[in-house]
Amino acid sequence: MPNARTKWDARCSGKLRRVTDHGFDVDAANLFAFRVWNYKQGELVSVLIHLGDRLGLYRALDGRGPTTAAELADATGLHPRWLLEWLRGNAAADLLESTDGEQFELTREGAAVLAHEEHSLLFAAGAFTARSRTDSSSSWTFAFASLWSVSSRASW
């Protein structure tokens, strides 16, 4: 791509835009890429929510207070190493609170949305487990549960 320089672009309501000599709008391309990568981020967070719902991880965190991966592993029978990755991903997505990347907490508000399937009008995690004909998420859950289980720890 040729060097971009800031110049007046009449198409942009009088705003300065970085446009190449060939008319390529660098700022518009950056905004478009940002939108695309936000969709990818949403996809990854959806997988975290799906796994948390199907494996009962949000329900296990509900009301526990700050919890480590090892403590969650003891409560669920899943592998602490994989749980740590899941917990950190949820914290990065602001679904769990963590100040140190080692202890994680599901807030009461988060539990209403992610854990209280039976009695919350706000429950949304189930939407991430809706099945379709081409749904491969059940096989993902089975694979992760198999990899994450205590019985498979010996292979690590």
C-alpha atoms as a PDB file:
ATOM      1  CA  MET A   1       0.000   0.000   0.000  1.00  0.00           C
ATOM      2  CA  PRO A   2       1.417   3.394  -0.864  1.00  0.00           C
ATOM      3  CA  ASN A   3       2.204   5.763   1.990  1.00  0.00           C
ATOM      4  CA  ALA A   4      -0.884   7.366   3.418  1.00  0.00           C
ATOM      5  CA  ARG A   5      -1.007  11.010   4.225  1.00  0.00           C
ATOM      6  CA  THR A   6      -3.646  13.097   5.854  1.00  0.00           C
ATOM      7  CA  LYS A   7      -5.580  15.177   3.388  1.00  0.00           C
ATOM      8  CA  TRP A   8      -8.960  16.745   2.993  1.00  0.00           C
ATOM      9  CA  ASP A   9     -11.577  14.269   1.813  1.00  0.00           C
ATOM     10  CA  ALA A  10     -14.839  15.851   0.697  1.00  0.00           C
ATOM     11  CA  ARG A  11     -16.708  12.546   1.161  1.00  0.00           C
ATOM     12  CA  CYS A  12     -16.194  12.728   4.944  1.00  0.00           C
ATOM     13  CA  SER A  13     -18.268  15.808   5.867  1.00  0.00           C
ATOM     14  CA  GLY A  14     -15.215  18.024   6.023  1.00  0.00           C
ATOM     15  CA  LYS A  15     -13.128  15.729   8.249  1.00  0.00           C
ATOM     16  CA  LEU A  16      -9.480  14.987   7.697  1.00  0.00           C
ATOM     17  CA  ARG A  17      -8.900  11.385   6.653  1.00  0.00           C
ATOM     18  CA  ARG A  18      -5.793   9.354   5.864  1.00  0.00           C
ATOM     19  CA  VAL A  19      -6.214   8.537   2.193  1.00  0.00           C
ATOM     20  CA  THR A  20      -3.553   7.217  -0.155  1.00  0.00           C
ATOM     21  CA  ASP A  21      -2.801   8.788  -3.485  1.00  0.00           C
ATOM     22  CA  HIS A  22      -4.871   5.970  -5.006  1.00  0.00           C
ATOM     23  CA  GLY A  23      -7.983   6.764  -2.957  1.00  0.00           C
ATOM     24  CA  PHE A  24      -7.585   3.999  -0.379  1.00  0.00           C
ATOM     25  CA  ASP A  25      -9.109   5.249   2.893  1.00  0.00           C
ATOM     26  CA  VAL A  26      -6.824   3.892   5.619  1.00  0.00           C
ATOM     27  CA  ASP A  27      -9.104   5.011   8.464  1.00  0.00           C
ATOM     28  CA  ALA A  28     -12.163   3.357   6.908  1.00  0.00           C
ATOM     29  CA  ALA A  29     -10.169   0.148   6.414  1.00  0.00           C
ATOM     30  CA  ASN A  30      -9.021   0.252  10.047  1.00  0.00           C
ATOM     31  CA  LEU A  31     -12.604   0.708  11.252  1.00  0.00           C
ATOM     32  CA  PHE A  32     -13.744  -2.173   9.057  1.00  0.00           C
ATOM     33  CA  ALA A  33     -10.981  -4.443  10.403  1.00  0.00           C
ATOM     34  CA  PHE A  34     -11.900  -3.432  13.962  1.00  0.00           C
ATOM     35  CA  ARG A  35     -15.513  -4.500  13.304  1.00  0.00           C
ATOM     36  CA  VAL A  36     -14.417  -7.855  11.889  1.00  0.00           C
ATOM     37  CA  TRP A  37     -12.088  -8.576  14.831  1.00  0.00           C
ATOM     38  CA  ASN A  38     -14.871  -7.645  17.271  1.00  0.00           C
ATOM     39  CA  TYR A  39     -16.981 -10.373  15.674  1.00  0.00           C
ATOM     40  CA  LYS A  40     -14.148 -12.847  16.187  1.00  0.00           C
ATOM     41  CA  GLN A  41     -13.810 -11.775  19.818  1.00  0.00           C
ATOM     42  CA  GLY A  42     -17.551 -12.322  20.247  1.00  0.00           C
ATOM     43  CA  GLU A  43     -17.209 -15.798  18.797  1.00  0.00           C
ATOM     44  CA  LEU A  44     -14.495 -16.712  21.289  1.00  0.00           C
ATOM     45  CA  VAL A  45     -16.443 -15.308  24.239  1.00  0.00           C
ATOM     46  CA  SER A  46     -19.481 -17.276  23.052  1.00  0.00           C
ATOM     47  CA  VAL A  47     -17.461 -20.484  23.264  1.00  0.00           C
ATOM     48  CA  LEU A  48     -16.403 -19.600  26.828  1.00  0.00           C
ATOM     49  CA  ILE A  49     -20.027 -18.971  27.819  1.00  0.00           C
ATOM     50  CA  HIS A  50     -21.182 -22.159  26.117  1.00  0.00           C
ATOM     51  CA  LEU A  51     -18.584 -24.249  27.947  1.00  0.00           C
ATOM     52  CA  GLY A  52     -19.309 -22.541  31.265  1.00  0.00           C
ATOM     53  CA  ASP A  53     -23.004 -23.252  30.935  1.00  0.00           C
ATOM     54  CA  ARG A  54     -22.768 -26.821  29.646  1.00  0.00           C
ATOM     55  CA  LEU A  55     -20.089 -27.861  32.158  1.00  0.00           C
ATOM     56  CA  GLY A  56     -21.830 -26.145  35.084  1.00  0.00           C
ATOM     57  CA  LEU A  57     -18.906 -23.838  35.780  1.00  0.00           C
ATOM     58  CA  TYR A  58     -20.955 -20.692  36.329  1.00  0.00           C
ATOM     59  CA  ARG A  59     -23.263 -22.584  38.686  1.00  0.00           C
ATOM     60  CA  ALA A  60     -20.208 -23.906  40.551  1.00  0.00           C
ATOM     61  CA  LEU A  61     -18.857 -20.356  40.931  1.00  0.00           C
ATOM     62  CA  ASP A  62     -22.196 -18.928  42.056  1.00  0.00           C
ATOM     63  CA  GLY A  63     -21.923 -17.714  45.644  1.00  0.00           C
ATOM     64  CA  ARG A  64     -18.408 -19.107  46.224  1.00  0.00           C
ATOM     65  CA  GLY A  65     -16.634 -15.781  46.450  1.00  0.00           C
ATOM     66  CA  PRO A  66     -13.081 -15.482  45.126  1.00  0.00           C
ATOM     67  CA  THR A  67     -12.085 -18.905  43.774  1.00  0.00           C
ATOM     68  CA  THR A  68      -8.880 -20.325  42.311  1.00  0.00           C
ATOM     69  CA  ALA A  69      -8.663 -22.782  39.438  1.00  0.00           C
ATOM     70  CA  ALA A  70      -7.600 -25.498  41.889  1.00  0.00           C
ATOM     71  CA  GLU A  71     -10.648 -24.847  44.071  1.00  0.00           C
ATOM     72  CA  LEU A  72     -12.949 -24.918  41.059  1.00  0.00           C
ATOM     73  CA  ALA A  73     -11.262 -28.131  39.907  1.00  0.00           C
ATOM     74  CA  ASP A  74     -11.979 -29.722  43.304  1.00  0.00           C
ATOM     75  CA  ALA A  75     -15.624 -28.648  43.035  1.00  0.00           C
ATOM     76  CA  THR A  76     -16.129 -29.821  39.439  1.00  0.00           C
ATOM     77  CA  GLY A  77     -13.668 -32.658  38.872  1.00  0.00           C
ATOM     78  CA  LEU A  78     -12.162 -30.833  35.900  1.00  0.00           C
ATOM     79  CA  HIS A  79      -8.478 -30.196  35.205  1.00  0.00           C
ATOM     80  CA  PRO A  80      -7.184 -27.026  36.949  1.00  0.00           C
ATOM     81  CA  ARG A  81      -4.883 -26.042  34.070  1.00  0.00           C
ATOM     82  CA  TRP A  82      -7.742 -25.860  31.567  1.00  0.00           C
ATOM     83  CA  LEU A  83      -9.985 -24.194  34.137  1.00  0.00           C
ATOM     84  CA  LEU A  84      -7.368 -21.490  34.654  1.00  0.00           C
ATOM     85  CA  GLU A  85      -7.463 -20.730  30.919  1.00  0.00           C
ATOM     86  CA  TRP A  86     -11.258 -20.635  30.992  1.00  0.00           C
ATOM     87  CA  LEU A  87     -11.304 -18.430  34.100  1.00  0.00           C
ATOM     88  CA  ARG A  88      -8.767 -15.994  32.666  1.00  0.00           C
ATOM     89  CA  GLY A  89     -10.662 -15.792  29.386  1.00  0.00           C
ATOM     90  CA  ASN A  90     -13.853 -14.964  31.274  1.00  0.00           C
ATOM     91  CA  ALA A  91     -12.034 -12.330  33.326  1.00  0.00           C
ATOM     92  CA  ALA A  92     -10.581 -10.789  30.157  1.00  0.00           C
ATOM     93  CA  ALA A  93     -14.123 -10.606  28.761  1.00  0.00           C
ATOM     94  CA  ASP A  94     -15.311  -8.944  32.020  1.00  0.00           C
ATOM     95  CA  LEU A  95     -17.635 -11.859  32.808  1.00  0.00           C
ATOM     96  CA  LEU A  96     -15.744 -12.718  36.000  1.00  0.00           C
ATOM     97  CA  GLU A  97     -13.935 -10.393  38.368  1.00  0.00           C
ATOM     98  CA  SER A  98     -10.242 -10.897  39.092  1.00  0.00           C
ATOM     99  CA  THR A  99      -7.594  -8.549  40.404  1.00  0.00           C
ATOM    100  CA  ASP A 100      -4.641 -10.917  40.140  1.00  0.00           C
ATOM    101  CA  GLY A 101      -5.409 -13.515  37.450  1.00  0.00           C
ATOM    102  CA  GLU A 102      -5.407 -16.249  40.094  1.00  0.00           C
ATOM    103  CA  GLN A 103      -8.659 -15.734  42.015  1.00  0.00           C
ATOM    104  CA  PHE A 104     -11.924 -15.225  40.174  1.00  0.00           C
ATOM    105  CA  GLU A 105     -15.414 -14.306  41.268  1.00  0.00           C
ATOM    106  CA  LEU A 106     -18.821 -14.436  39.624  1.00  0.00           C
ATOM    107  CA  THR A 107     -20.749 -11.428  40.878  1.00  0.00           C
ATOM    108  CA  ARG A 108     -24.396 -11.678  41.936  1.00  0.00           C
ATOM    109  CA  GLU A 109     -25.357  -9.818  38.773  1.00  0.00           C
ATOM    110  CA  GLY A 110     -23.245 -12.129  36.645  1.00  0.00           C
ATOM    111  CA  ALA A 111     -24.840 -15.148  38.309  1.00  0.00           C
ATOM    112  CA  ALA A 112     -28.311 -13.832  37.445  1.00  0.00           C
ATOM    113  CA  VAL A 113     -27.313 -13.784  33.771  1.00  0.00           C
ATOM    114  CA  LEU A 114     -25.022 -16.833  33.592  1.00  0.00           C
ATOM    115  CA  ALA A 115     -25.991 -19.261  36.368  1.00  0.00           C
ATOM    116  CA  HIS A 116     -29.607 -18.852  37.496  1.00  0.00           C
ATOM    117  CA  GLU A 117     -31.382 -20.714  34.728  1.00  0.00           C
ATOM    118  CA  GLU A 118     -34.357 -21.726  36.846  1.00  0.00           C
ATOM    119  CA  HIS A 119     -35.392 -18.436  38.439  1.00  0.00           C
ATOM    120  CA  SER A 120     -33.911 -15.447  36.621  1.00  0.00           C
ATOM    121  CA  LEU A 121     -35.564 -13.559  33.811  1.00  0.00           C
ATOM    122  CA  LEU A 122     -32.069 -12.307  32.962  1.00  0.00           C
ATOM    123  CA  PHE A 123     -30.569 -15.771  32.331  1.00  0.00           C
ATOM    124  CA  ALA A 124     -28.798 -15.675  28.965  1.00  0.00           C
ATOM    125  CA  ALA A 125     -26.151 -18.415  29.009  1.00  0.00           C
ATOM    126  CA  GLY A 126     -28.629 -20.909  27.568  1.00  0.00           C
ATOM    127  CA  ALA A 127     -28.782 -18.862  24.386  1.00  0.00           C
ATOM    128  CA  PHE A 128     -25.179 -19.875  23.750  1.00  0.00           C
ATOM    129  CA  THR A 129     -26.090 -23.576  23.838  1.00  0.00           C
ATOM    130  CA  ALA A 130     -28.973 -23.465  21.360  1.00  0.00           C
ATOM    131  CA  ARG A 131     -28.551 -26.284  18.888  1.00  0.00           C
ATOM    132  CA  SER A 132     -28.823 -26.269  15.127  1.00  0.00           C
ATOM    133  CA  ARG A 133     -28.462 -29.000  12.539  1.00  0.00           C
ATOM    134  CA  THR A 134     -24.842 -28.067  11.959  1.00  0.00           C
ATOM    135  CA  ASP A 135     -24.066 -27.575  15.655  1.00  0.00           C
ATOM    136  CA  SER A 136     -20.731 -29.030  16.621  1.00  0.00           C
ATOM    137  CA  SER A 137     -20.779 -27.518  20.097  1.00  0.00           C
ATOM    138  CA  SER A 138     -21.880 -30.753  21.763  1.00  0.00           C
ATOM    139  CA  SER A 139     -18.751 -32.443  20.468  1.00  0.00           C
ATOM    140  CA  TRP A 140     -16.721 -29.460  21.730  1.00  0.00           C
ATOM    141  CA  THR A 141     -18.253 -29.841  25.175  1.00  0.00           C
ATOM    142  CA  PHE A 142     -17.575 -33.571  25.197  1.00  0.00           C
ATOM    143  CA  ALA A 143     -13.979 -33.025  24.075  1.00  0.00           C
ATOM    144  CA  PHE A 144     -13.335 -30.344  26.649  1.00  0.00           C
ATOM    145  CA  ALA A 145     -15.014 -32.306  29.425  1.00  0.00           C
ATOM    146  CA  SER A 146     -12.902 -35.321  28.495  1.00  0.00           C
ATOM    147  CA  LEU A 147      -9.706 -33.290  28.380  1.00  0.00           C
ATOM    148  CA  TRP A 148     -10.558 -31.370  31.521  1.00  0.00           C
ATOM    149  CA  SER A 149     -11.603 -34.277  33.704  1.00  0.00           C
ATOM    150  CA  VAL A 150      -9.609 -35.383  36.729  1.00  0.00           C
ATOM    151  CA  SER A 151      -9.250 -38.879  35.267  1.00  0.00           C
ATOM    152  CA  SER A 152      -7.293 -37.471  32.333  1.00  0.00           C
ATOM    153  CA  ARG A 153      -4.786 -35.623  34.559  1.00  0.00           C
ATOM    154  CA  ALA A 154      -2.373 -38.543  34.456  1.00  0.00           C
ATOM    155  CA  SER A 155      -1.852 -37.982  30.750  1.00  0.00           C
ATOM    156  CA  TRP A 156      -0.654 -34.412  31.396  1.00  0.00           C
END
